[in-house]
Amino acid sequence: MTGRDKQNNYDGEGDMGWQLRLAAVPVPDPTVEASRAFRPVVGEVPSPINPPPGCVFHPRCPLAVAECQRVRPELRELRPSHWVACSQVQ
């Protein structure tokens, strides 16, 4: 989960969920879009009724470590106006 200001929306930094959402946006240039590698997100979407323990995104996150299965990350300010809830983002 992230909180961002407009200036930092596309800087490529932040939690993996944000990066995966940005990667899913099509490129308006058909030549560039056709050459992009398709990288689907693996794993199951967490149940909103019965979410997994720890970070709710850990089943699908490529950065997830064992801690993510046990501990729900706190929302913290990574830099001014840039908030993350991910223990793996520095």
PDB file of N, CA and C in Angstrom:
ATOM      1  N   MET A   1       0.843  -1.176   0.000  1.00  0.00           N
ATOM      2  CA  MET A   1       0.000   0.000   0.000  1.00  0.00           C
ATOM      3  C   MET A   1       0.885   1.235   0.000  1.00  0.00           C
ATOM      4  N   THR A   2       0.543   2.213  -0.798  1.00  0.00           N
ATOM      5  CA  THR A   2       1.331   3.433  -0.826  1.00  0.00           C
ATOM      6  C   THR A   2       0.439   4.652  -0.805  1.00  0.00           C
ATOM      7  N   GLY A   3       0.982   5.729  -0.334  1.00  0.00           N
ATOM      8  CA  GLY A   3       0.370   7.042  -0.464  1.00  0.00           C
ATOM      9  C   GLY A   3       1.381   7.900  -1.194  1.00  0.00           C
ATOM     10  N   ARG A   4       0.973   8.560  -2.238  1.00  0.00           N
ATOM     11  CA  ARG A   4       1.921   9.289  -3.073  1.00  0.00           C
ATOM     12  C   ARG A   4       1.363  10.659  -3.420  1.00  0.00           C
ATOM     13  N   ASP A   5       2.261  11.562  -3.733  1.00  0.00           N
ATOM     14  CA  ASP A   5       1.825  12.821  -4.308  1.00  0.00           C
ATOM     15  C   ASP A   5       1.997  12.723  -5.827  1.00  0.00           C
ATOM     16  N   LYS A   6       1.444  13.678  -6.549  1.00  0.00           N
ATOM     17  CA  LYS A   6       1.486  13.620  -8.016  1.00  0.00           C
ATOM     18  C   LYS A   6       2.905  13.639  -8.569  1.00  0.00           C
ATOM     19  N   GLN A   7       3.831  14.296  -7.898  1.00  0.00           N
ATOM     20  CA  GLN A   7       5.202  14.392  -8.386  1.00  0.00           C
ATOM     21  C   GLN A   7       5.904  13.042  -8.423  1.00  0.00           C
ATOM     22  N   ASN A   8       5.556  12.128  -7.523  1.00  0.00           N
ATOM     23  CA  ASN A   8       6.292  10.874  -7.378  1.00  0.00           C
ATOM     24  C   ASN A   8       5.551   9.662  -7.920  1.00  0.00           C
ATOM     25  N   ASN A   9       4.497   9.849  -8.681  1.00  0.00           N
ATOM     26  CA  ASN A   9       3.690   8.708  -9.118  1.00  0.00           C
ATOM     27  C   ASN A   9       4.433   7.737 -10.016  1.00  0.00           C
ATOM     28  N   TYR A  10       5.355   8.202 -10.830  1.00  0.00           N
ATOM     29  CA  TYR A  10       5.958   7.336 -11.826  1.00  0.00           C
ATOM     30  C   TYR A  10       7.465   7.223 -11.678  1.00  0.00           C
ATOM     31  N   ASP A  11       7.963   7.332 -10.469  1.00  0.00           N
ATOM     32  CA  ASP A  11       9.413   7.311 -10.283  1.00  0.00           C
ATOM     33  C   ASP A  11      10.001   5.914 -10.201  1.00  0.00           C
ATOM     34  N   GLY A  12       9.160   4.878 -10.243  1.00  0.00           N
ATOM     35  CA  GLY A  12       9.665   3.514 -10.244  1.00  0.00           C
ATOM     36  C   GLY A  12      10.013   2.980  -8.874  1.00  0.00           C
ATOM     37  N   GLU A  13       9.838   3.785  -7.851  1.00  0.00           N
ATOM     38  CA  GLU A  13      10.123   3.318  -6.501  1.00  0.00           C
ATOM     39  C   GLU A  13       8.807   3.051  -5.792  1.00  0.00           C
ATOM     40  N   GLY A  14       8.903   2.376  -4.679  1.00  0.00           N
ATOM     41  CA  GLY A  14       7.712   2.108  -3.889  1.00  0.00           C
ATOM     42  C   GLY A  14       7.499   0.627  -3.706  1.00  0.00           C
ATOM     43  N   ASP A  15       6.365   0.297  -3.160  1.00  0.00           N
ATOM     44  CA  ASP A  15       6.105  -1.102  -2.872  1.00  0.00           C
ATOM     45  C   ASP A  15       5.820  -1.888  -4.148  1.00  0.00           C
ATOM     46  N   MET A  16       5.912  -3.187  -4.063  1.00  0.00           N
ATOM     47  CA  MET A  16       5.762  -4.042  -5.239  1.00  0.00           C
ATOM     48  C   MET A  16       4.357  -3.940  -5.832  1.00  0.00           C
ATOM     49  N   GLY A  17       3.341  -3.772  -5.011  1.00  0.00           N
ATOM     50  CA  GLY A  17       1.981  -3.637  -5.542  1.00  0.00           C
ATOM     51  C   GLY A  17       1.862  -2.460  -6.492  1.00  0.00           C
ATOM     52  N   TRP A  18       2.473  -1.347  -6.131  1.00  0.00           N
ATOM     53  CA  TRP A  18       2.444  -0.169  -6.986  1.00  0.00           C
ATOM     54  C   TRP A  18       3.193  -0.440  -8.282  1.00  0.00           C
ATOM     55  N   GLN A  19       4.337  -1.065  -8.194  1.00  0.00           N
ATOM     56  CA  GLN A  19       5.124  -1.366  -9.390  1.00  0.00           C
ATOM     57  C   GLN A  19       4.375  -2.316 -10.321  1.00  0.00           C
ATOM     58  N   LEU A  20       3.685  -3.301  -9.758  1.00  0.00           N
ATOM     59  CA  LEU A  20       2.923  -4.242 -10.585  1.00  0.00           C
ATOM     60  C   LEU A  20       1.744  -3.563 -11.267  1.00  0.00           C
ATOM     61  N   ARG A  21       1.082  -2.650 -10.559  1.00  0.00           N
ATOM     62  CA  ARG A  21      -0.026  -1.915 -11.178  1.00  0.00           C
ATOM     63  C   ARG A  21       0.473  -1.044 -12.321  1.00  0.00           C
ATOM     64  N   LEU A  22       1.590  -0.358 -12.128  1.00  0.00           N
ATOM     65  CA  LEU A  22       2.140   0.463 -13.206  1.00  0.00           C
ATOM     66  C   LEU A  22       2.561  -0.382 -14.405  1.00  0.00           C
ATOM     67  N   ALA A  23       3.121  -1.560 -14.159  1.00  0.00           N
ATOM     68  CA  ALA A  23       3.559  -2.432 -15.250  1.00  0.00           C
ATOM     69  C   ALA A  23       2.383  -2.941 -16.083  1.00  0.00           C
ATOM     70  N   ALA A  24       1.176  -2.967 -15.497  1.00  0.00           N
ATOM     71  CA  ALA A  24       0.002  -3.460 -16.210  1.00  0.00           C
ATOM     72  C   ALA A  24      -0.607  -2.415 -17.141  1.00  0.00           C
ATOM     73  N   VAL A  25      -0.195  -1.159 -17.021  1.00  0.00           N
ATOM     74  CA  VAL A  25      -0.739  -0.096 -17.860  1.00  0.00           C
ATOM     75  C   VAL A  25      -0.150  -0.215 -19.263  1.00  0.00           C
ATOM     76  N   PRO A  26      -0.991  -0.274 -20.294  1.00  0.00           N
ATOM     77  CA  PRO A  26      -0.478  -0.383 -21.660  1.00  0.00           C
ATOM     78  C   PRO A  26       0.308   0.862 -22.073  1.00  0.00           C
ATOM     79  N   VAL A  27       1.294   0.658 -22.929  1.00  0.00           N
ATOM     80  CA  VAL A  27       2.073   1.756 -23.500  1.00  0.00           C
ATOM     81  C   VAL A  27       1.338   2.214 -24.757  1.00  0.00           C
ATOM     82  N   PRO A  28       1.133   3.525 -24.933  1.00  0.00           N
ATOM     83  CA  PRO A  28       0.365   3.993 -26.092  1.00  0.00           C
ATOM     84  C   PRO A  28       1.011   3.713 -27.448  1.00  0.00           C
ATOM     85  N   ASP A  29       2.310   3.469 -27.487  1.00  0.00           N
ATOM     86  CA  ASP A  29       2.986   3.179 -28.746  1.00  0.00           C
ATOM     87  C   ASP A  29       2.853   1.679 -29.037  1.00  0.00           C
ATOM     88  N   PRO A  30       2.134   1.290 -30.105  1.00  0.00           N
ATOM     89  CA  PRO A  30       1.912  -0.135 -30.387  1.00  0.00           C
ATOM     90  C   PRO A  30       3.197  -0.931 -30.583  1.00  0.00           C
ATOM     91  N   THR A  31       4.237  -0.309 -31.139  1.00  0.00           N
ATOM     92  CA  THR A  31       5.503  -1.012 -31.350  1.00  0.00           C
ATOM     93  C   THR A  31       6.157  -1.345 -30.011  1.00  0.00           C
ATOM     94  N   VAL A  32       6.177  -0.383 -29.123  1.00  0.00           N
ATOM     95  CA  VAL A  32       6.757  -0.602 -27.790  1.00  0.00           C
ATOM     96  C   VAL A  32       5.915  -1.609 -27.019  1.00  0.00           C
ATOM     97  N   GLU A  33       4.605  -1.456 -27.067  1.00  0.00           N
ATOM     98  CA  GLU A  33       3.717  -2.364 -26.336  1.00  0.00           C
ATOM     99  C   GLU A  33       3.889  -3.801 -26.819  1.00  0.00           C
ATOM    100  N   ALA A  34       4.041  -4.004 -28.123  1.00  0.00           N
ATOM    101  CA  ALA A  34       4.193  -5.350 -28.675  1.00  0.00           C
ATOM    102  C   ALA A  34       5.502  -6.004 -28.239  1.00  0.00           C
ATOM    103  N   SER A  35       6.509  -5.194 -27.949  1.00  0.00           N
ATOM    104  CA  SER A  35       7.806  -5.758 -27.570  1.00  0.00           C
ATOM    105  C   SER A  35       7.972  -5.952 -26.065  1.00  0.00           C
ATOM    106  N   ARG A  36       7.017  -5.472 -25.271  1.00  0.00           N
ATOM    107  CA  ARG A  36       7.130  -5.617 -23.815  1.00  0.00           C
ATOM    108  C   ARG A  36       6.914  -7.066 -23.394  1.00  0.00           C
ATOM    109  N   ALA A  37       7.662  -7.485 -22.406  1.00  0.00           N
ATOM    110  CA  ALA A  37       7.500  -8.838 -21.883  1.00  0.00           C
ATOM    111  C   ALA A  37       6.239  -8.899 -21.022  1.00  0.00           C
ATOM    112  N   PHE A  38       5.452  -9.933 -21.217  1.00  0.00           N
ATOM    113  CA  PHE A  38       4.247 -10.124 -20.409  1.00  0.00           C
ATOM    114  C   PHE A  38       4.652 -10.796 -19.105  1.00  0.00           C
ATOM    115  N   ARG A  39       4.393 -10.147 -17.991  1.00  0.00           N
ATOM    116  CA  ARG A  39       4.766 -10.675 -16.677  1.00  0.00           C
ATOM    117  C   ARG A  39       3.538 -10.733 -15.785  1.00  0.00           C
ATOM    118  N   PRO A  40       2.743 -11.774 -15.913  1.00  0.00           N
ATOM    119  CA  PRO A  40       1.541 -11.852 -15.075  1.00  0.00           C
ATOM    120  C   PRO A  40       1.906 -12.044 -13.605  1.00  0.00           C
ATOM    121  N   VAL A  41       1.065 -11.540 -12.746  1.00  0.00           N
ATOM    122  CA  VAL A  41       1.254 -11.723 -11.308  1.00  0.00           C
ATOM    123  C   VAL A  41       0.814 -13.136 -10.973  1.00  0.00           C
ATOM    124  N   VAL A  42       1.682 -13.879 -10.307  1.00  0.00           N
ATOM    125  CA  VAL A  42       1.361 -15.259  -9.948  1.00  0.00           C
ATOM    126  C   VAL A  42       0.695 -15.296  -8.575  1.00  0.00           C
ATOM    127  N   GLY A  43       0.016 -16.394  -8.298  1.00  0.00           N
ATOM    128  CA  GLY A  43      -0.618 -16.566  -7.000  1.00  0.00           C
ATOM    129  C   GLY A  43      -2.085 -16.184  -7.024  1.00  0.00           C
ATOM    130  N   GLU A  44      -2.716 -16.416  -5.906  1.00  0.00           N
ATOM    131  CA  GLU A  44      -4.146 -16.155  -5.769  1.00  0.00           C
ATOM    132  C   GLU A  44      -4.396 -14.770  -5.164  1.00  0.00           C
ATOM    133  N   VAL A  45      -5.473 -14.135  -5.604  1.00  0.00           N
ATOM    134  CA  VAL A  45      -5.893 -12.875  -5.007  1.00  0.00           C
ATOM    135  C   VAL A  45      -6.392 -13.180  -3.596  1.00  0.00           C
ATOM    136  N   PRO A  46      -5.930 -12.428  -2.581  1.00  0.00           N
ATOM    137  CA  PRO A  46      -6.360 -12.722  -1.216  1.00  0.00           C
ATOM    138  C   PRO A  46      -7.854 -12.481  -1.024  1.00  0.00           C
ATOM    139  N   SER A  47      -8.454 -13.297  -0.183  1.00  0.00           N
ATOM    140  CA  SER A  47      -9.871 -13.178   0.116  1.00  0.00           C
ATOM    141  C   SER A  47     -10.123 -11.960   1.006  1.00  0.00           C
ATOM    142  N   PRO A  48     -11.052 -11.081   0.622  1.00  0.00           N
ATOM    143  CA  PRO A  48     -11.366  -9.954   1.494  1.00  0.00           C
ATOM    144  C   PRO A  48     -12.128 -10.394   2.744  1.00  0.00           C
ATOM    145  N   ILE A  49     -12.763 -11.549   2.677  1.00  0.00           N
ATOM    146  CA  ILE A  49     -13.513 -12.068   3.830  1.00  0.00           C
ATOM    147  C   ILE A  49     -12.581 -12.759   4.816  1.00  0.00           C
ATOM    148  N   ASN A  50     -11.605 -13.472   4.285  1.00  0.00           N
ATOM    149  CA  ASN A  50     -10.670 -14.209   5.128  1.00  0.00           C
ATOM    150  C   ASN A  50      -9.244 -13.946   4.638  1.00  0.00           C
ATOM    151  N   PRO A  51      -8.724 -12.726   4.888  1.00  0.00           N
ATOM    152  CA  PRO A  51      -7.390 -12.404   4.381  1.00  0.00           C
ATOM    153  C   PRO A  51      -6.309 -13.231   5.067  1.00  0.00           C
ATOM    154  N   PRO A  52      -5.190 -13.435   4.389  1.00  0.00           N
ATOM    155  CA  PRO A  52      -4.104 -14.206   4.997  1.00  0.00           C
ATOM    156  C   PRO A  52      -3.477 -13.426   6.150  1.00  0.00           C
ATOM    157  N   PRO A  53      -2.807 -14.120   7.057  1.00  0.00           N
ATOM    158  CA  PRO A  53      -2.115 -13.411   8.149  1.00  0.00           C
ATOM    159  C   PRO A  53      -0.936 -12.619   7.597  1.00  0.00           C
ATOM    160  N   GLY A  54      -0.475 -11.661   8.348  1.00  0.00           N
ATOM    161  CA  GLY A  54       0.657 -10.852   7.915  1.00  0.00           C
ATOM    162  C   GLY A  54       0.238  -9.879   6.838  1.00  0.00           C
ATOM    163  N   CYS A  55       1.122  -9.623   5.916  1.00  0.00           N
ATOM    164  CA  CYS A  55       0.816  -8.728   4.807  1.00  0.00           C
ATOM    165  C   CYS A  55      -0.172  -9.421   3.872  1.00  0.00           C
ATOM    166  N   VAL A  56      -1.266  -8.756   3.561  1.00  0.00           N
ATOM    167  CA  VAL A  56      -2.292  -9.391   2.729  1.00  0.00           C
ATOM    168  C   VAL A  56      -1.819  -9.635   1.304  1.00  0.00           C
ATOM    169  N   PHE A  57      -0.745  -8.990   0.879  1.00  0.00           N
ATOM    170  CA  PHE A  57      -0.236  -9.167  -0.480  1.00  0.00           C
ATOM    171  C   PHE A  57       0.850 -10.234  -0.579  1.00  0.00           C
ATOM    172  N   HIS A  58       1.282 -10.820   0.542  1.00  0.00           N
ATOM    173  CA  HIS A  58       2.421 -11.749   0.480  1.00  0.00           C
ATOM    174  C   HIS A  58       2.215 -12.958  -0.433  1.00  0.00           C
ATOM    175  N   PRO A  59       0.991 -13.487  -0.609  1.00  0.00           N
ATOM    176  CA  PRO A  59       0.872 -14.633  -1.520  1.00  0.00           C
ATOM    177  C   PRO A  59       1.225 -14.315  -2.977  1.00  0.00           C
ATOM    178  N   ARG A  60       1.153 -13.041  -3.373  1.00  0.00           N
ATOM    179  CA  ARG A  60       1.412 -12.664  -4.764  1.00  0.00           C
ATOM    180  C   ARG A  60       2.645 -11.792  -4.945  1.00  0.00           C
ATOM    181  N   CYS A  61       3.295 -11.415  -3.879  1.00  0.00           N
ATOM    182  CA  CYS A  61       4.394 -10.454  -3.957  1.00  0.00           C
ATOM    183  C   CYS A  61       5.729 -11.143  -4.217  1.00  0.00           C
ATOM    184  N   PRO A  62       6.445 -10.740  -5.269  1.00  0.00           N
ATOM    185  CA  PRO A  62       7.750 -11.356  -5.537  1.00  0.00           C
ATOM    186  C   PRO A  62       8.833 -10.956  -4.532  1.00  0.00           C
ATOM    187  N   LEU A  63       8.585  -9.941  -3.726  1.00  0.00           N
ATOM    188  CA  LEU A  63       9.553  -9.533  -2.706  1.00  0.00           C
ATOM    189  C   LEU A  63       9.295 -10.180  -1.341  1.00  0.00           C
ATOM    190  N   ALA A  64       8.223 -10.934  -1.213  1.00  0.00           N
ATOM    191  CA  ALA A  64       7.817 -11.473   0.091  1.00  0.00           C
ATOM    192  C   ALA A  64       8.878 -12.400   0.681  1.00  0.00           C
ATOM    193  N   VAL A  65       9.078 -12.257   1.981  1.00  0.00           N
ATOM    194  CA  VAL A  65       9.969 -13.113   2.765  1.00  0.00           C
ATOM    195  C   VAL A  65       9.130 -13.726   3.881  1.00  0.00           C
ATOM    196  N   ALA A  66       9.723 -14.610   4.669  1.00  0.00           N
ATOM    197  CA  ALA A  66       8.978 -15.305   5.724  1.00  0.00           C
ATOM    198  C   ALA A  66       8.288 -14.334   6.682  1.00  0.00           C
ATOM    199  N   GLU A  67       8.934 -13.223   6.993  1.00  0.00           N
ATOM    200  CA  GLU A  67       8.353 -12.218   7.893  1.00  0.00           C
ATOM    201  C   GLU A  67       7.004 -11.715   7.381  1.00  0.00           C
ATOM    202  N   CYS A  68       6.849 -11.616   6.068  1.00  0.00           N
ATOM    203  CA  CYS A  68       5.619 -11.102   5.470  1.00  0.00           C
ATOM    204  C   CYS A  68       4.417 -11.998   5.774  1.00  0.00           C
ATOM    205  N   GLN A  69       4.654 -13.270   6.006  1.00  0.00           N
ATOM    206  CA  GLN A  69       3.575 -14.204   6.325  1.00  0.00           C
ATOM    207  C   GLN A  69       3.093 -14.058   7.758  1.00  0.00           C
ATOM    208  N   ARG A  70       3.921 -13.436   8.607  1.00  0.00           N
ATOM    209  CA  ARG A  70       3.588 -13.329  10.031  1.00  0.00           C
ATOM    210  C   ARG A  70       3.230 -11.923  10.491  1.00  0.00           C
ATOM    211  N   VAL A  71       3.898 -10.916   9.913  1.00  0.00           N
ATOM    212  CA  VAL A  71       3.790  -9.547  10.420  1.00  0.00           C
ATOM    213  C   VAL A  71       3.149  -8.642   9.376  1.00  0.00           C
ATOM    214  N   ARG A  72       2.098  -7.947   9.783  1.00  0.00           N
ATOM    215  CA  ARG A  72       1.488  -6.962   8.888  1.00  0.00           C
ATOM    216  C   ARG A  72       2.316  -5.686   8.973  1.00  0.00           C
ATOM    217  N   PRO A  73       2.839  -5.202   7.843  1.00  0.00           N
ATOM    218  CA  PRO A  73       3.711  -4.025   7.890  1.00  0.00           C
ATOM    219  C   PRO A  73       2.946  -2.763   8.262  1.00  0.00           C
ATOM    220  N   GLU A  74       3.625  -1.912   9.004  1.00  0.00           N
ATOM    221  CA  GLU A  74       3.060  -0.617   9.387  1.00  0.00           C
ATOM    222  C   GLU A  74       3.230   0.368   8.234  1.00  0.00           C
ATOM    223  N   LEU A  75       2.272   1.267   8.110  1.00  0.00           N
ATOM    224  CA  LEU A  75       2.388   2.338   7.136  1.00  0.00           C
ATOM    225  C   LEU A  75       3.439   3.318   7.642  1.00  0.00           C
ATOM    226  N   ARG A  76       4.435   3.612   6.795  1.00  0.00           N
ATOM    227  CA  ARG A  76       5.507   4.513   7.193  1.00  0.00           C
ATOM    228  C   ARG A  76       5.864   5.439   6.038  1.00  0.00           C
ATOM    229  N   GLU A  77       6.411   6.579   6.391  1.00  0.00           N
ATOM    230  CA  GLU A  77       6.796   7.550   5.377  1.00  0.00           C
ATOM    231  C   GLU A  77       8.200   7.225   4.883  1.00  0.00           C
ATOM    232  N   LEU A  78       8.316   6.839   3.639  1.00  0.00           N
ATOM    233  CA  LEU A  78       9.597   6.488   3.042  1.00  0.00           C
ATOM    234  C   LEU A  78      10.420   7.752   2.770  1.00  0.00           C
ATOM    235  N   ARG A  79       9.749   8.769   2.279  1.00  0.00           N
ATOM    236  CA  ARG A  79      10.318  10.102   2.083  1.00  0.00           C
ATOM    237  C   ARG A  79       9.123  11.059   2.110  1.00  0.00           C
ATOM    238  N   PRO A  80       9.329  12.352   2.099  1.00  0.00           N
ATOM    239  CA  PRO A  80       8.197  13.268   2.198  1.00  0.00           C
ATOM    240  C   PRO A  80       7.096  12.978   1.166  1.00  0.00           C
ATOM    241  N   SER A  81       5.884  12.849   1.659  1.00  0.00           N
ATOM    242  CA  SER A  81       4.684  12.588   0.844  1.00  0.00           C
ATOM    243  C   SER A  81       4.712  11.242   0.129  1.00  0.00           C
ATOM    244  N   HIS A  82       5.484  10.290   0.603  1.00  0.00           N
ATOM    245  CA  HIS A  82       5.588   8.967  -0.026  1.00  0.00           C
ATOM    246  C   HIS A  82       5.511   7.918   1.078  1.00  0.00           C
ATOM    247  N   TRP A  83       4.354   7.291   1.215  1.00  0.00           N
ATOM    248  CA  TRP A  83       4.084   6.353   2.297  1.00  0.00           C
ATOM    249  C   TRP A  83       4.028   4.930   1.755  1.00  0.00           C
ATOM    250  N   VAL A  84       4.583   3.979   2.485  1.00  0.00           N
ATOM    251  CA  VAL A  84       4.538   2.574   2.096  1.00  0.00           C
ATOM    252  C   VAL A  84       4.183   1.709   3.297  1.00  0.00           C
ATOM    253  N   ALA A  85       3.603   0.576   3.026  1.00  0.00           N
ATOM    254  CA  ALA A  85       3.360  -0.451   4.036  1.00  0.00           C
ATOM    255  C   ALA A  85       3.995  -1.727   3.512  1.00  0.00           C
ATOM    256  N   CYS A  86       5.326  -1.750   3.528  1.00  0.00           N
ATOM    257  CA  CYS A  86       6.091  -2.895   3.030  1.00  0.00           C
ATOM    258  C   CYS A  86       7.422  -2.927   3.763  1.00  0.00           C
ATOM    259  N   SER A  87       7.725  -4.060   4.363  1.00  0.00           N
ATOM    260  CA  SER A  87       8.979  -4.170   5.109  1.00  0.00           C
ATOM    261  C   SER A  87      10.197  -4.325   4.189  1.00  0.00           C
ATOM    262  N   GLN A  88       9.974  -4.621   2.920  1.00  0.00           N
ATOM    263  CA  GLN A  88      11.074  -4.868   1.992  1.00  0.00           C
ATOM    264  C   GLN A  88      11.516  -3.628   1.223  1.00  0.00           C
ATOM    265  N   VAL A  89      10.761  -2.551   1.317  1.00  0.00           N
ATOM    266  CA  VAL A  89      11.103  -1.323   0.603  1.00  0.00           C
ATOM    267  C   VAL A  89      11.944  -0.449   1.526  1.00  0.00           C
ATOM    268  N   GLN A  90      13.079  -0.011   1.023  1.00  0.00           N
ATOM    269  CA  GLN A  90      13.987   0.822   1.841  1.00  0.00           C
ATOM    270  C   GLN A  90      13.983   2.234   1.348  1.00  0.00           C
TER     271      GLN A  90
END
